[in-house]
Protein backbone atom coordinates (compact mmCIF):
# COMPACT_ATOMS: atom_id res chain seq x y z
CA MET A 1 31.04 -1.95 -173.98
CA ARG A 2 27.54 -2.73 -173.03
CA ARG A 3 26.79 0.45 -174.33
CA PHE A 4 28.03 -0.49 -177.78
CA LEU A 5 26.85 -4.09 -177.79
CA ALA A 6 23.19 -2.20 -177.53
CA ALA A 7 23.92 0.34 -180.68
CA VAL A 8 24.78 -2.81 -182.72
CA LEU A 9 21.80 -5.13 -181.57
CA LEU A 10 18.77 -2.43 -181.99
CA GLY A 11 20.42 -0.44 -185.39
CA THR A 12 18.66 2.90 -186.60
CA ALA A 13 15.08 1.75 -186.88
CA VAL A 14 15.04 0.52 -182.96
CA ALA A 15 16.16 4.00 -182.00
CA ALA A 16 13.69 6.17 -183.85
CA ALA A 17 10.92 3.73 -182.18
CA LEU A 18 12.35 4.68 -178.90
CA THR A 19 12.19 8.25 -179.97
CA ALA A 20 7.65 7.79 -180.51
CA ALA A 21 7.47 6.11 -177.90
CA LEU A 22 9.04 8.54 -175.37
CA THR A 23 7.35 11.43 -177.18
CA ALA A 24 4.04 9.27 -176.66
CA ALA A 25 4.27 8.56 -172.92
CA LEU A 26 4.99 12.08 -172.09
CA THR A 27 1.94 13.66 -173.64
CA ALA A 28 -0.07 11.18 -172.11
CA ALA A 29 1.83 11.14 -168.71
CA GLY A 30 -0.56 11.62 -165.90
CA ALA A 31 0.18 13.00 -162.38
CA GLY A 32 1.92 10.52 -160.42
CA ALA A 33 4.83 8.16 -161.66
CA GLY A 34 4.24 4.20 -161.48
CA ALA A 35 4.08 0.59 -163.59
CA ALA A 36 2.81 1.06 -167.04
CA THR A 37 -0.81 -1.61 -167.36
CA ALA A 38 0.75 -4.12 -170.12
CA SER A 39 -1.63 -6.12 -172.24
CA ALA A 40 -1.72 -9.36 -172.23
CA GLU A 41 0.49 -8.68 -175.84
CA ALA A 42 2.79 -6.50 -174.15
CA PRO A 43 6.51 -8.18 -174.18
CA GLY A 44 7.18 -6.66 -170.66
CA THR A 45 6.35 -4.35 -168.08
CA LEU A 46 8.79 -1.01 -166.84
CA THR A 47 8.53 0.23 -162.74
CA THR A 48 9.91 3.34 -161.53
CA SER A 49 9.08 6.29 -158.81
CA ASP A 50 10.17 9.64 -158.32
CA GLY A 51 13.13 10.64 -157.55
CA VAL A 52 15.32 13.65 -156.73
CA LEU A 53 17.76 15.12 -158.68
CA PHE A 54 20.19 15.95 -156.39
CA GLN A 55 23.32 17.93 -157.65
CA THR A 56 25.34 14.73 -157.12
CA CYS A 57 25.58 11.79 -159.44
CA VAL A 58 22.45 10.39 -159.11
CA ARG A 59 21.26 6.34 -159.65
CA HIS A 60 17.80 5.89 -160.40
CA PRO A 61 16.34 2.39 -160.12
CA VAL A 62 14.02 0.79 -162.07
CA SER A 63 12.60 -2.37 -162.68
CA TYR A 64 11.96 -3.92 -165.67
CA ALA A 65 10.10 -7.57 -166.53
CA ALA A 66 10.83 -8.48 -170.01
CA THR A 67 9.57 -11.59 -172.16
CA PRO A 68 12.36 -12.36 -175.25
CA GLY A 69 11.10 -15.52 -177.44
CA SER A 70 14.25 -16.79 -176.98
CA GLY A 71 17.52 -16.80 -174.79
CA ASN A 72 19.65 -14.56 -177.25
CA TRP A 73 18.17 -11.44 -176.21
CA SER A 74 18.82 -7.17 -175.61
CA LEU A 75 16.80 -5.12 -173.65
CA PHE A 76 17.22 -0.84 -174.38
CA LEU A 77 16.36 0.77 -171.60
CA SER A 78 16.40 5.29 -172.55
CA THR A 79 14.75 8.36 -170.95
CA ALA A 80 13.49 11.58 -172.39
CA ARG A 81 12.12 14.92 -170.57
CA SER A 82 9.60 16.59 -171.49
CA ASP A 83 11.13 18.78 -173.64
CA GLY A 84 12.67 16.16 -175.59
CA SER A 85 16.15 16.57 -174.02
CA PRO A 86 17.34 13.34 -173.60
CA GLY A 87 18.32 11.50 -170.26
CA PRO A 88 20.30 8.75 -168.79
CA PHE A 89 19.97 5.23 -170.63
CA VAL A 90 20.81 1.26 -169.67
CA SER A 91 21.55 -1.85 -172.40
CA LEU A 92 20.97 -5.30 -170.83
CA SER A 93 21.40 -8.25 -172.68
CA SER A 94 21.48 -12.61 -172.77
CA ALA A 95 25.25 -11.91 -173.37
CA LEU A 96 26.38 -9.79 -171.03
CA GLY A 97 24.59 -12.51 -168.13
CA ASP A 98 21.98 -9.81 -167.40
CA GLN A 99 18.73 -11.89 -166.29
CA PRO A 100 15.36 -10.76 -168.01
CA SER A 101 13.72 -9.34 -165.17
CA GLY A 102 15.26 -7.47 -162.35
CA THR A 103 16.59 -4.12 -161.42
CA ALA A 104 18.78 -1.38 -163.23
CA THR A 105 19.75 2.16 -162.31
CA LEU A 106 20.02 5.52 -164.47
CA ASP A 107 22.74 7.27 -164.03
CA PHE A 108 22.27 10.97 -163.83
CA CYS A 109 25.91 12.19 -163.81
CA GLY A 110 28.26 14.04 -165.44
CA TYR A 111 31.60 15.21 -165.26
CA GLY A 112 33.10 14.59 -161.39
CA ASP A 113 30.27 12.69 -160.34
CA THR A 114 28.14 15.79 -161.02
CA ALA A 115 24.51 16.04 -162.35
CA GLY A 116 26.00 16.67 -165.05
CA VAL A 117 23.43 18.23 -168.14
CA TYR A 118 20.62 16.83 -166.41
CA VAL A 119 17.83 19.46 -165.45
CA PRO A 120 14.57 18.63 -162.72
CA GLY A 121 11.38 17.35 -164.43
CA ARG A 122 9.14 15.31 -165.61
CA TYR A 123 11.18 12.00 -167.63
CA ALA A 124 9.48 9.13 -169.94
CA LEU A 125 11.12 5.63 -169.15
CA ALA A 126 11.34 3.08 -172.23
CA GLY A 127 12.22 0.13 -172.87
CA ALA A 128 13.06 -1.42 -176.64
CA LEU A 129 13.13 -5.99 -176.41
CA SER A 130 14.67 -7.20 -179.56
CA TRP A 131 15.14 -11.18 -179.81
CA VAL A 132 16.81 -14.01 -182.52
CA ASP A 133 14.78 -16.58 -182.98
CA GLY A 134 15.33 -19.97 -183.77
CA GLY A 135 16.33 -18.73 -187.77
CA GLY A 136 18.30 -16.58 -187.00
CA VAL A 137 15.44 -13.23 -187.38
CA THR A 138 15.83 -10.75 -185.00
CA HIS A 139 12.62 -9.55 -183.40
CA THR A 140 12.16 -6.15 -181.92
CA GLU A 141 9.38 -4.86 -179.34
CA GLN A 142 8.55 -2.02 -177.39
CA LEU A 143 7.83 -2.17 -173.17
CA PRO A 144 4.92 0.37 -172.10
CA SER A 145 6.73 3.31 -171.13
CA VAL A 146 6.60 5.19 -168.04
CA ALA A 147 6.80 8.55 -166.31
CA PHE A 148 8.45 9.77 -163.36
CA THR A 149 9.46 12.97 -161.91
CA MET A 150 12.76 14.47 -160.98
CA ALA A 151 12.50 16.99 -158.52
CA LYS A 152 14.47 19.91 -157.56
CA PRO A 153 16.32 19.70 -154.29
CA GLN A 154 15.63 21.94 -151.33
CA THR A 155 17.57 24.50 -150.82
CA ARG A 156 18.33 25.54 -146.48
CA THR A 157 18.80 29.54 -146.03
CA THR A 158 20.24 30.81 -142.63
CA LEU A 159 20.18 34.77 -141.81
CA VAL A 160 22.91 36.14 -139.66
CA LEU A 161 22.92 39.60 -137.65
CA SER A 162 26.35 40.39 -136.22
CA ASP A 163 24.71 42.21 -133.44
CA ARG A 164 20.92 41.50 -132.95
CA THR A 165 21.00 44.73 -130.39
CA PRO A 166 22.36 47.30 -131.71
CA LYS A 167 22.59 51.13 -131.05
CA PRO A 168 21.37 53.78 -132.96
CA GLY A 169 23.74 54.65 -135.29
CA GLN A 170 25.42 50.84 -134.96
CA PRO A 171 26.77 49.24 -138.34
CA ILE A 172 25.48 45.41 -138.57
CA ARG A 173 26.30 43.10 -140.75
CA PHE A 174 24.02 41.10 -142.63
CA THR A 175 25.30 37.85 -143.75
CA VAL A 176 23.09 34.96 -145.78
CA SER A 177 24.33 31.19 -146.59
CA VAL A 178 22.68 29.05 -148.55
CA LYS A 179 23.21 24.82 -148.40
CA VAL A 180 21.30 22.13 -151.06
CA GLN A 181 20.00 18.82 -150.00
CA SER A 182 22.12 15.86 -150.69
CA PRO A 183 21.87 12.11 -149.96
CA THR A 184 24.52 12.37 -147.26
CA GLY A 185 23.28 15.49 -146.03
CA TRP A 186 23.16 19.68 -146.65
CA MET A 187 26.38 20.74 -148.58
CA ARG A 188 27.98 23.76 -150.07
CA VAL A 189 26.49 25.04 -153.20
CA PRO A 190 27.98 23.65 -156.73
CA ASP A 191 29.41 26.30 -158.77
CA ASP A 192 27.53 24.41 -161.68
CA ALA A 193 23.74 25.18 -159.88
CA LEU A 194 24.61 29.04 -159.90
CA PRO A 195 23.30 31.73 -160.41
CA LEU A 196 21.59 31.87 -157.39
CA ARG A 197 19.32 35.09 -156.19
CA LEU A 198 18.37 35.96 -152.88
CA ARG A 199 17.09 39.05 -151.18
CA VAL A 200 16.75 40.09 -147.25
CA LEU A 201 12.70 40.83 -145.94
CA ALA A 202 12.17 43.14 -142.75
CA ARG A 203 9.22 43.76 -140.87
CA GLY A 204 8.31 46.37 -138.31
CA PRO A 205 6.24 46.41 -135.38
CA GLY A 206 2.64 46.38 -136.48
CA GLU A 207 3.09 44.67 -139.84
CA LYS A 208 1.70 42.17 -140.74
CA LYS A 209 3.59 40.98 -143.96
CA PHE A 210 7.47 41.59 -144.64
CA GLY A 211 8.75 43.39 -147.28
CA PRO A 212 11.87 44.14 -149.01
CA LEU A 213 14.94 45.81 -147.76
CA HIS A 214 16.43 48.07 -149.63
CA GLY A 215 19.46 47.68 -150.88
CA ALA A 216 19.89 43.68 -149.51
CA ALA A 217 19.37 41.76 -152.65
CA GLY A 218 21.58 40.17 -155.22
CA VAL A 219 23.35 36.61 -156.21
CA TYR A 220 25.40 34.62 -154.21
CA ASP A 221 28.64 34.10 -154.44
CA TYR A 222 30.41 30.72 -155.47
CA GLY A 223 29.88 28.24 -152.42
CA GLY A 224 26.38 29.63 -151.78
CA THR A 225 27.51 32.85 -149.28
CA TRP A 226 26.55 36.58 -149.55
CA SER A 227 26.57 39.88 -146.94
CA ARG A 228 25.79 43.49 -147.02
CA LYS A 229 26.80 46.05 -144.31
CA PHE A 230 24.17 48.34 -142.95
CA ARG A 231 23.81 51.27 -140.50
CA TRP A 232 21.14 50.70 -138.30
CA LEU A 233 19.56 53.81 -137.59
CA GLY A 234 17.48 53.02 -134.29
CA THR A 235 14.16 54.70 -135.45
CA LEU A 236 12.13 51.49 -134.49
CA PRO A 237 12.49 49.74 -131.01
CA ARG A 238 12.58 46.50 -132.53
CA ALA A 239 12.37 44.54 -136.14
CA GLN A 240 12.20 41.10 -138.00
CA PHE A 241 14.15 39.88 -140.56
CA GLU A 242 14.33 37.27 -142.90
CA ALA A 243 16.27 35.79 -146.10
CA GLU A 244 14.99 34.17 -149.22
CA THR A 245 16.39 32.34 -151.66
CA ARG A 246 14.98 32.18 -155.20
CA GLY A 247 14.96 28.89 -157.38
CA ASN A 248 16.36 28.52 -160.62
CA ASP A 249 15.87 25.16 -162.55
CA LEU A 250 17.89 23.05 -160.99
CA LEU A 251 17.75 24.47 -156.95
CA ASP A 252 14.22 24.75 -155.26
CA GLU A 253 13.73 27.96 -153.38
CA SER A 254 13.72 28.03 -149.09
CA THR A 255 13.22 31.25 -146.48
CA SER A 256 15.60 31.61 -143.60
CA LYS A 257 14.21 31.19 -140.16
CA VAL A 258 12.80 34.41 -138.44
CA VAL A 259 15.67 36.93 -136.80
CA HIS A 260 14.11 39.66 -134.21
CA LEU A 261 16.51 42.89 -133.62
CA THR A 262 15.79 45.07 -130.66
CA THR A 263 17.59 48.50 -130.52
CA LYS A 264 19.80 49.03 -127.55
CA ARG A 265 19.05 52.78 -125.81
CA ARG A 266 21.86 54.51 -124.27
CA ALA A 267 21.22 55.30 -121.03
CA PRO A 268 19.82 58.62 -119.95
CA GLY A 269 22.64 61.24 -118.73
CA ARG A 270 24.76 59.40 -121.38
């Protein structure tokens, strides 16, 4: 209902003006997010901070302060990503009991309380203020736009070896799992955030850098797990391994803790 009322009050001319304002804001955006500096003639201000676009429903707060010319007004807040794709929006109005200054939320939410179609990146927030004067004439003004970033959530990669002191010729299973950051802690990777690639790296005695382990790269199964069995030949007395999750458009990259392996030699005479 709130969106319907806003559409009736604003009309197509306001929507076109909002698109132009959002494009200009993204073109001129600086490095940080914050409030736009309003001129003396500006009808109000918008303020918001950077956030994280988790793979759950994100309700991002914004502050607004509008100065309508009458008590009959509406304010339409909308966002757009730097690539031009639309972001969430919210409608406020005196008819709905809203105040001309306060805090609202932009709901980065999709079906099933997920992040939906929204992608991390740089966004611009714009506001269109409409008010009706005593003669019944509708006035529409643009609030100064402000840019903000919705960052990728962090991931956490874990590498487990079935045996860290194997004998020569013994098979070992490498298991890699990944979790994703959420407002309530670490959670399984949603299927919508896949595919997500991984690789296992190895380092032998005296080697300074890790290098890819042959045959130990792939894509996580649903839920964020991967495993593969290798035969430890025992040609090295010891080795170190780590797993690396390669980031994608929705999730950040991460590297596991180093896992140490030591070859268990057979006792002489056996």
